[in-house]
Amino acid sequence: MKQKIIRVGNSLAVTIPKKFIDESGFAAGDSLFVHSNPTTKSLLITPLENSPQQMYGTDFAFWLATIEKKYAPAIRQLAQI
């Protein structure tokens, strides 16, 4: 689905359509984890309890992000094989 980025004060936001809210069970006030991937210019939004930090621990999530950033070109090349 196509959404626009809007300005909210000094921040930017993307609204979540009602249909997705109904399907996902998200509600106003829920805590969410937003993972950004600068390589693919993408965001992944999950419930906080499904965040990498919660699932694997903060140290592992930091290590994974470091490896992902350091070896991004090699990972992309391997994905094309």
PDB file of N, CA and C in Angstrom:
ATOM      1  N   MET A   1       0.834  -1.171   0.000  1.00  0.00           N
ATOM      2  CA  MET A   1       0.000   0.000   0.000  1.00  0.00           C
ATOM      3  C   MET A   1       0.881   1.237   0.000  1.00  0.00           C
ATOM      4  N   LYS A   2       0.437   2.261  -0.651  1.00  0.00           N
ATOM      5  CA  LYS A   2       1.204   3.498  -0.784  1.00  0.00           C
ATOM      6  C   LYS A   2       0.801   4.464   0.324  1.00  0.00           C
ATOM      7  N   GLN A   3       1.782   4.998   1.019  1.00  0.00           N
ATOM      8  CA  GLN A   3       1.555   5.973   2.080  1.00  0.00           C
ATOM      9  C   GLN A   3       2.524   7.131   1.874  1.00  0.00           C
ATOM     10  N   LYS A   4       2.139   8.308   2.332  1.00  0.00           N
ATOM     11  CA  LYS A   4       3.012   9.479   2.267  1.00  0.00           C
ATOM     12  C   LYS A   4       3.618   9.749   3.631  1.00  0.00           C
ATOM     13  N   ILE A   5       4.818  10.293   3.615  1.00  0.00           N
ATOM     14  CA  ILE A   5       5.457  10.752   4.845  1.00  0.00           C
ATOM     15  C   ILE A   5       4.887  12.133   5.150  1.00  0.00           C
ATOM     16  N   ILE A   6       4.455  12.335   6.394  1.00  0.00           N
ATOM     17  CA  ILE A   6       3.901  13.623   6.802  1.00  0.00           C
ATOM     18  C   ILE A   6       4.741  14.209   7.932  1.00  0.00           C
ATOM     19  N   ARG A   7       4.656  15.516   8.105  1.00  0.00           N
ATOM     20  CA  ARG A   7       5.385  16.183   9.179  1.00  0.00           C
ATOM     21  C   ARG A   7       4.486  16.267  10.406  1.00  0.00           C
ATOM     22  N   VAL A   8       5.054  15.896  11.557  1.00  0.00           N
ATOM     23  CA  VAL A   8       4.365  16.009  12.844  1.00  0.00           C
ATOM     24  C   VAL A   8       5.332  16.728  13.778  1.00  0.00           C
ATOM     25  N   GLY A   9       5.141  18.029  13.948  1.00  0.00           N
ATOM     26  CA  GLY A   9       6.092  18.817  14.731  1.00  0.00           C
ATOM     27  C   GLY A   9       7.437  18.832  14.025  1.00  0.00           C
ATOM     28  N   ASN A  10       8.502  18.470  14.738  1.00  0.00           N
ATOM     29  CA  ASN A  10       9.838  18.404  14.145  1.00  0.00           C
ATOM     30  C   ASN A  10      10.162  17.026  13.590  1.00  0.00           C
ATOM     31  N   SER A  11       9.212  16.104  13.669  1.00  0.00           N
ATOM     32  CA  SER A  11       9.436  14.727  13.223  1.00  0.00           C
ATOM     33  C   SER A  11       8.678  14.449  11.932  1.00  0.00           C
ATOM     34  N   LEU A  12       8.951  13.284  11.357  1.00  0.00           N
ATOM     35  CA  LEU A  12       8.204  12.793  10.206  1.00  0.00           C
ATOM     36  C   LEU A  12       7.467  11.539  10.633  1.00  0.00           C
ATOM     37  N   ALA A  13       6.335  11.255   9.992  1.00  0.00           N
ATOM     38  CA  ALA A  13       5.528  10.095  10.371  1.00  0.00           C
ATOM     39  C   ALA A  13       4.861   9.498   9.138  1.00  0.00           C
ATOM     40  N   VAL A  14       4.505   8.245   9.267  1.00  0.00           N
ATOM     41  CA  VAL A  14       3.710   7.548   8.258  1.00  0.00           C
ATOM     42  C   VAL A  14       2.484   7.016   8.984  1.00  0.00           C
ATOM     43  N   THR A  15       1.307   7.298   8.466  1.00  0.00           N
ATOM     44  CA  THR A  15       0.096   6.797   9.111  1.00  0.00           C
ATOM     45  C   THR A  15      -0.113   5.333   8.741  1.00  0.00           C
ATOM     46  N   ILE A  16      -0.782   4.610   9.620  1.00  0.00           N
ATOM     47  CA  ILE A  16      -1.083   3.198   9.392  1.00  0.00           C
ATOM     48  C   ILE A  16      -2.573   3.094   9.088  1.00  0.00           C
ATOM     49  N   PRO A  17      -2.933   2.616   7.895  1.00  0.00           N
ATOM     50  CA  PRO A  17      -4.346   2.534   7.519  1.00  0.00           C
ATOM     51  C   PRO A  17      -5.144   1.623   8.456  1.00  0.00           C
ATOM     52  N   LYS A  18      -6.422   1.954   8.632  1.00  0.00           N
ATOM     53  CA  LYS A  18      -7.299   1.217   9.530  1.00  0.00           C
ATOM     54  C   LYS A  18      -7.343  -0.265   9.187  1.00  0.00           C
ATOM     55  N   LYS A  19      -7.364  -0.605   7.908  1.00  0.00           N
ATOM     56  CA  LYS A  19      -7.421  -2.018   7.513  1.00  0.00           C
ATOM     57  C   LYS A  19      -6.228  -2.784   8.096  1.00  0.00           C
ATOM     58  N   PHE A  20      -5.035  -2.199   8.013  1.00  0.00           N
ATOM     59  CA  PHE A  20      -3.855  -2.865   8.555  1.00  0.00           C
ATOM     60  C   PHE A  20      -3.917  -2.933  10.074  1.00  0.00           C
ATOM     61  N   ILE A  21      -4.407  -1.873  10.702  1.00  0.00           N
ATOM     62  CA  ILE A  21      -4.560  -1.869  12.165  1.00  0.00           C
ATOM     63  C   ILE A  21      -5.466  -3.021  12.584  1.00  0.00           C
ATOM     64  N   ASP A  22      -6.587  -3.169  11.881  1.00  0.00           N
ATOM     65  CA  ASP A  22      -7.527  -4.250  12.196  1.00  0.00           C
ATOM     66  C   ASP A  22      -6.880  -5.622  12.011  1.00  0.00           C
ATOM     67  N   GLU A  23      -6.104  -5.789  10.935  1.00  0.00           N
ATOM     68  CA  GLU A  23      -5.468  -7.083  10.642  1.00  0.00           C
ATOM     69  C   GLU A  23      -4.324  -7.394  11.604  1.00  0.00           C
ATOM     70  N   SER A  24      -3.570  -6.371  11.998  1.00  0.00           N
ATOM     71  CA  SER A  24      -2.372  -6.592  12.820  1.00  0.00           C
ATOM     72  C   SER A  24      -2.670  -6.629  14.313  1.00  0.00           C
ATOM     73  N   GLY A  25      -3.752  -5.979  14.704  1.00  0.00           N
ATOM     74  CA  GLY A  25      -4.058  -5.905  16.129  1.00  0.00           C
ATOM     75  C   GLY A  25      -3.331  -4.783  16.845  1.00  0.00           C
ATOM     76  N   PHE A  26      -2.599  -3.938  16.108  1.00  0.00           N
ATOM     77  CA  PHE A  26      -1.949  -2.787  16.724  1.00  0.00           C
ATOM     78  C   PHE A  26      -3.017  -1.835  17.248  1.00  0.00           C
ATOM     79  N   ALA A  27      -2.677  -1.078  18.286  1.00  0.00           N
ATOM     80  CA  ALA A  27      -3.597  -0.089  18.840  1.00  0.00           C
ATOM     81  C   ALA A  27      -2.808   1.149  19.251  1.00  0.00           C
ATOM     82  N   ALA A  28      -3.493   2.268  19.339  1.00  0.00           N
ATOM     83  CA  ALA A  28      -2.855   3.503  19.788  1.00  0.00           C
ATOM     84  C   ALA A  28      -2.219   3.265  21.156  1.00  0.00           C
ATOM     85  N   GLY A  29      -0.988   3.715  21.307  1.00  0.00           N
ATOM     86  CA  GLY A  29      -0.282   3.547  22.572  1.00  0.00           C
ATOM     87  C   GLY A  29       0.603   2.314  22.631  1.00  0.00           C
ATOM     88  N   ASP A  30       0.479   1.401  21.648  1.00  0.00           N
ATOM     89  CA  ASP A  30       1.342   0.213  21.620  1.00  0.00           C
ATOM     90  C   ASP A  30       2.797   0.633  21.435  1.00  0.00           C
ATOM     91  N   SER A  31       3.720  -0.112  22.025  1.00  0.00           N
ATOM     92  CA  SER A  31       5.148   0.105  21.804  1.00  0.00           C
ATOM     93  C   SER A  31       5.583  -0.773  20.645  1.00  0.00           C
ATOM     94  N   LEU A  32       6.250  -0.164  19.679  1.00  0.00           N
ATOM     95  CA  LEU A  32       6.702  -0.882  18.496  1.00  0.00           C
ATOM     96  C   LEU A  32       8.209  -0.731  18.358  1.00  0.00           C
ATOM     97  N   PHE A  33       8.830  -1.674  17.658  1.00  0.00           N
ATOM     98  CA  PHE A  33      10.255  -1.611  17.353  1.00  0.00           C
ATOM     99  C   PHE A  33      10.382  -1.290  15.871  1.00  0.00           C
ATOM    100  N   VAL A  34      11.160  -0.265  15.539  1.00  0.00           N
ATOM    101  CA  VAL A  34      11.375   0.113  14.148  1.00  0.00           C
ATOM    102  C   VAL A  34      12.829  -0.182  13.806  1.00  0.00           C
ATOM    103  N   HIS A  35      13.025  -1.118  12.889  1.00  0.00           N
ATOM    104  CA  HIS A  35      14.364  -1.483  12.425  1.00  0.00           C
ATOM    105  C   HIS A  35      14.551  -0.845  11.060  1.00  0.00           C
ATOM    106  N   SER A  36      15.627  -0.088  10.897  1.00  0.00           N
ATOM    107  CA  SER A  36      15.890   0.539   9.602  1.00  0.00           C
ATOM    108  C   SER A  36      17.065  -0.146   8.927  1.00  0.00           C
ATOM    109  N   ASN A  37      16.995  -0.225   7.618  1.00  0.00           N
ATOM    110  CA  ASN A  37      18.067  -0.798   6.820  1.00  0.00           C
ATOM    111  C   ASN A  37      18.475   0.247   5.790  1.00  0.00           C
ATOM    112  N   PRO A  38      19.559   0.992   6.052  1.00  0.00           N
ATOM    113  CA  PRO A  38      19.977   2.042   5.122  1.00  0.00           C
ATOM    114  C   PRO A  38      20.355   1.502   3.744  1.00  0.00           C
ATOM    115  N   THR A  39      20.832   0.271   3.680  1.00  0.00           N
ATOM    116  CA  THR A  39      21.233  -0.311   2.404  1.00  0.00           C
ATOM    117  C   THR A  39      20.045  -0.435   1.463  1.00  0.00           C
ATOM    118  N   THR A  40      18.925  -0.909   1.986  1.00  0.00           N
ATOM    119  CA  THR A  40      17.731  -1.083   1.151  1.00  0.00           C
ATOM    120  C   THR A  40      16.742   0.068   1.308  1.00  0.00           C
ATOM    121  N   LYS A  41      17.093   1.052   2.145  1.00  0.00           N
ATOM    122  CA  LYS A  41      16.217   2.194   2.430  1.00  0.00           C
ATOM    123  C   LYS A  41      14.826   1.713   2.829  1.00  0.00           C
ATOM    124  N   SER A  42      14.795   0.792   3.797  1.00  0.00           N
ATOM    125  CA  SER A  42      13.521   0.217   4.220  1.00  0.00           C
ATOM    126  C   SER A  42      13.389   0.230   5.739  1.00  0.00           C
ATOM    127  N   LEU A  43      12.156   0.113   6.195  1.00  0.00           N
ATOM    128  CA  LEU A  43      11.832   0.033   7.616  1.00  0.00           C
ATOM    129  C   LEU A  43      11.042  -1.241   7.861  1.00  0.00           C
ATOM    130  N   LEU A  44      11.276  -1.851   9.002  1.00  0.00           N
ATOM    131  CA  LEU A  44      10.489  -3.000   9.441  1.00  0.00           C
ATOM    132  C   LEU A  44       9.944  -2.643  10.813  1.00  0.00           C
ATOM    133  N   ILE A  45       8.626  -2.691  10.955  1.00  0.00           N
ATOM    134  CA  ILE A  45       7.975  -2.334  12.214  1.00  0.00           C
ATOM    135  C   ILE A  45       7.353  -3.586  12.808  1.00  0.00           C
ATOM    136  N   THR A  46       7.743  -3.911  14.045  1.00  0.00           N
ATOM    137  CA  THR A  46       7.215  -5.103  14.709  1.00  0.00           C
ATOM    138  C   THR A  46       6.783  -4.747  16.128  1.00  0.00           C
ATOM    139  N   PRO A  47       5.917  -5.570  16.717  1.00  0.00           N
ATOM    140  CA  PRO A  47       5.610  -5.362  18.132  1.00  0.00           C
ATOM    141  C   PRO A  47       6.904  -5.442  18.937  1.00  0.00           C
ATOM    142  N   LEU A  48       6.995  -4.684  20.002  1.00  0.00           N
ATOM    143  CA  LEU A  48       8.224  -4.620  20.792  1.00  0.00           C
ATOM    144  C   LEU A  48       8.682  -6.000  21.245  1.00  0.00           C
ATOM    145  N   GLU A  49       7.742  -6.875  21.602  1.00  0.00           N
ATOM    146  CA  GLU A  49       8.136  -8.211  22.075  1.00  0.00           C
ATOM    147  C   GLU A  49       8.747  -9.066  20.964  1.00  0.00           C
ATOM    148  N   ASN A  50       8.604  -8.655  19.691  1.00  0.00           N
ATOM    149  CA  ASN A  50       9.208  -9.387  18.578  1.00  0.00           C
ATOM    150  C   ASN A  50      10.461  -8.698  18.052  1.00  0.00           C
ATOM    151  N   SER A  51      10.966  -7.697  18.775  1.00  0.00           N
ATOM    152  CA  SER A  51      12.148  -6.988  18.317  1.00  0.00           C
ATOM    153  C   SER A  51      13.371  -7.890  18.465  1.00  0.00           C
ATOM    154  N   PRO A  52      14.396  -7.669  17.636  1.00  0.00           N
ATOM    155  CA  PRO A  52      15.616  -8.476  17.769  1.00  0.00           C
ATOM    156  C   PRO A  52      16.208  -8.421  19.174  1.00  0.00           C
ATOM    157  N   GLN A  53      16.150  -7.236  19.821  1.00  0.00           N
ATOM    158  CA  GLN A  53      16.694  -7.117  21.167  1.00  0.00           C
ATOM    159  C   GLN A  53      15.939  -8.012  22.138  1.00  0.00           C
ATOM    160  N   GLN A  54      14.624  -8.070  22.005  1.00  0.00           N
ATOM    161  CA  GLN A  54      13.817  -8.890  22.903  1.00  0.00           C
ATOM    162  C   GLN A  54      13.987 -10.373  22.595  1.00  0.00           C
ATOM    163  N   MET A  55      14.085 -10.717  21.300  1.00  0.00           N
ATOM    164  CA  MET A  55      14.158 -12.125  20.918  1.00  0.00           C
ATOM    165  C   MET A  55      15.541 -12.725  21.149  1.00  0.00           C
ATOM    166  N   TYR A  56      16.595 -11.937  20.873  1.00  0.00           N
ATOM    167  CA  TYR A  56      17.950 -12.491  20.906  1.00  0.00           C
ATOM    168  C   TYR A  56      18.854 -11.843  21.941  1.00  0.00           C
ATOM    169  N   GLY A  57      18.440 -10.745  22.526  1.00  0.00           N
ATOM    170  CA  GLY A  57      19.287 -10.024  23.462  1.00  0.00           C
ATOM    171  C   GLY A  57      19.956  -8.842  22.782  1.00  0.00           C
ATOM    172  N   THR A  58      20.237  -7.826  23.541  1.00  0.00           N
ATOM    173  CA  THR A  58      20.800  -6.588  23.010  1.00  0.00           C
ATOM    174  C   THR A  58      22.175  -6.807  22.401  1.00  0.00           C
ATOM    175  N   ASP A  59      23.026  -7.609  23.046  1.00  0.00           N
ATOM    176  CA  ASP A  59      24.377  -7.842  22.526  1.00  0.00           C
ATOM    177  C   ASP A  59      24.339  -8.507  21.162  1.00  0.00           C
ATOM    178  N   PHE A  60      23.488  -9.532  21.002  1.00  0.00           N
ATOM    179  CA  PHE A  60      23.399 -10.222  19.720  1.00  0.00           C
ATOM    180  C   PHE A  60      22.850  -9.292  18.645  1.00  0.00           C
ATOM    181  N   ALA A  61      21.830  -8.513  18.973  1.00  0.00           N
ATOM    182  CA  ALA A  61      21.237  -7.592  18.000  1.00  0.00           C
ATOM    183  C   ALA A  61      22.276  -6.568  17.542  1.00  0.00           C
ATOM    184  N   PHE A  62      23.091  -6.056  18.469  1.00  0.00           N
ATOM    185  CA  PHE A  62      24.146  -5.106  18.113  1.00  0.00           C
ATOM    186  C   PHE A  62      25.181  -5.781  17.219  1.00  0.00           C
ATOM    187  N   TRP A  63      25.598  -6.993  17.576  1.00  0.00           N
ATOM    188  CA  TRP A  63      26.567  -7.736  16.777  1.00  0.00           C
ATOM    189  C   TRP A  63      26.029  -7.971  15.372  1.00  0.00           C
ATOM    190  N   LEU A  64      24.767  -8.383  15.275  1.00  0.00           N
ATOM    191  CA  LEU A  64      24.163  -8.657  13.975  1.00  0.00           C
ATOM    192  C   LEU A  64      24.116  -7.398  13.118  1.00  0.00           C
ATOM    193  N   ALA A  65      23.738  -6.269  13.700  1.00  0.00           N
ATOM    194  CA  ALA A  65      23.684  -5.011  12.954  1.00  0.00           C
ATOM    195  C   ALA A  65      25.074  -4.604  12.476  1.00  0.00           C
ATOM    196  N   THR A  66      26.091  -4.821  13.305  1.00  0.00           N
ATOM    197  CA  THR A  66      27.466  -4.495  12.936  1.00  0.00           C
ATOM    198  C   THR A  66      27.935  -5.352  11.769  1.00  0.00           C
ATOM    199  N   ILE A  67      27.688  -6.653  11.845  1.00  0.00           N
ATOM    200  CA  ILE A  67      28.076  -7.575  10.768  1.00  0.00           C
ATOM    201  C   ILE A  67      27.325  -7.239   9.490  1.00  0.00           C
ATOM    202  N   GLU A  68      26.028  -6.962   9.631  1.00  0.00           N
ATOM    203  CA  GLU A  68      25.199  -6.630   8.474  1.00  0.00           C
ATOM    204  C   GLU A  68      25.747  -5.402   7.755  1.00  0.00           C
ATOM    205  N   LYS A  69      26.142  -4.386   8.517  1.00  0.00           N
ATOM    206  CA  LYS A  69      26.676  -3.160   7.930  1.00  0.00           C
ATOM    207  C   LYS A  69      28.051  -3.401   7.304  1.00  0.00           C
ATOM    208  N   LYS A  70      28.912  -4.102   8.033  1.00  0.00           N
ATOM    209  CA  LYS A  70      30.290  -4.316   7.579  1.00  0.00           C
ATOM    210  C   LYS A  70      30.350  -5.159   6.308  1.00  0.00           C
ATOM    211  N   TYR A  71      29.515  -6.196   6.226  1.00  0.00           N
ATOM    212  CA  TYR A  71      29.595  -7.137   5.116  1.00  0.00           C
ATOM    213  C   TYR A  71      28.443  -7.012   4.124  1.00  0.00           C
ATOM    214  N   ALA A  72      27.753  -5.867   4.113  1.00  0.00           N
ATOM    215  CA  ALA A  72      26.598  -5.685   3.227  1.00  0.00           C
ATOM    216  C   ALA A  72      26.920  -5.977   1.758  1.00  0.00           C
ATOM    217  N   PRO A  73      28.031  -5.476   1.195  1.00  0.00           N
ATOM    218  CA  PRO A  73      28.317  -5.779  -0.214  1.00  0.00           C
ATOM    219  C   PRO A  73      28.496  -7.283  -0.471  1.00  0.00           C
ATOM    220  N   ALA A  74      29.204  -7.961   0.400  1.00  0.00           N
ATOM    221  CA  ALA A  74      29.415  -9.404   0.225  1.00  0.00           C
ATOM    222  C   ALA A  74      28.097 -10.164   0.351  1.00  0.00           C
ATOM    223  N   ILE A  75      27.260  -9.755   1.288  1.00  0.00           N
ATOM    224  CA  ILE A  75      25.961 -10.416   1.471  1.00  0.00           C
ATOM    225  C   ILE A  75      25.099 -10.226   0.224  1.00  0.00           C
ATOM    226  N   ARG A  76      25.114  -9.011  -0.353  1.00  0.00           N
ATOM    227  CA  ARG A  76      24.344  -8.762  -1.583  1.00  0.00           C
ATOM    228  C   ARG A  76      24.858  -9.631  -2.727  1.00  0.00           C
ATOM    229  N   GLN A  77      26.186  -9.763  -2.854  1.00  0.00           N
ATOM    230  CA  GLN A  77      26.753 -10.597  -3.917  1.00  0.00           C
ATOM    231  C   GLN A  77      26.374 -12.055  -3.722  1.00  0.00           C
ATOM    232  N   LEU A  78      26.436 -12.542  -2.503  1.00  0.00           N
ATOM    233  CA  LEU A  78      26.055 -13.927  -2.229  1.00  0.00           C
ATOM    234  C   LEU A  78      24.580 -14.169  -2.532  1.00  0.00           C
ATOM    235  N   ALA A  79      23.754 -13.178  -2.300  1.00  0.00           N
ATOM    236  CA  ALA A  79      22.317 -13.324  -2.553  1.00  0.00           C
ATOM    237  C   ALA A  79      22.022 -13.474  -4.038  1.00  0.00           C
ATOM    238  N   GLN A  80      22.936 -13.017  -4.895  1.00  0.00           N
ATOM    239  CA  GLN A  80      22.723 -13.097  -6.341  1.00  0.00           C
ATOM    240  C   GLN A  80      23.190 -14.418  -6.934  1.00  0.00           C
ATOM    241  N   ILE A  81      23.858 -15.242  -6.150  1.00  0.00           N
ATOM    242  CA  ILE A  81      24.370 -16.528  -6.655  1.00  0.00           C
ATOM    243  C   ILE A  81      23.236 -17.506  -6.831  1.00  0.00           C
TER     244      ILE A  81
END
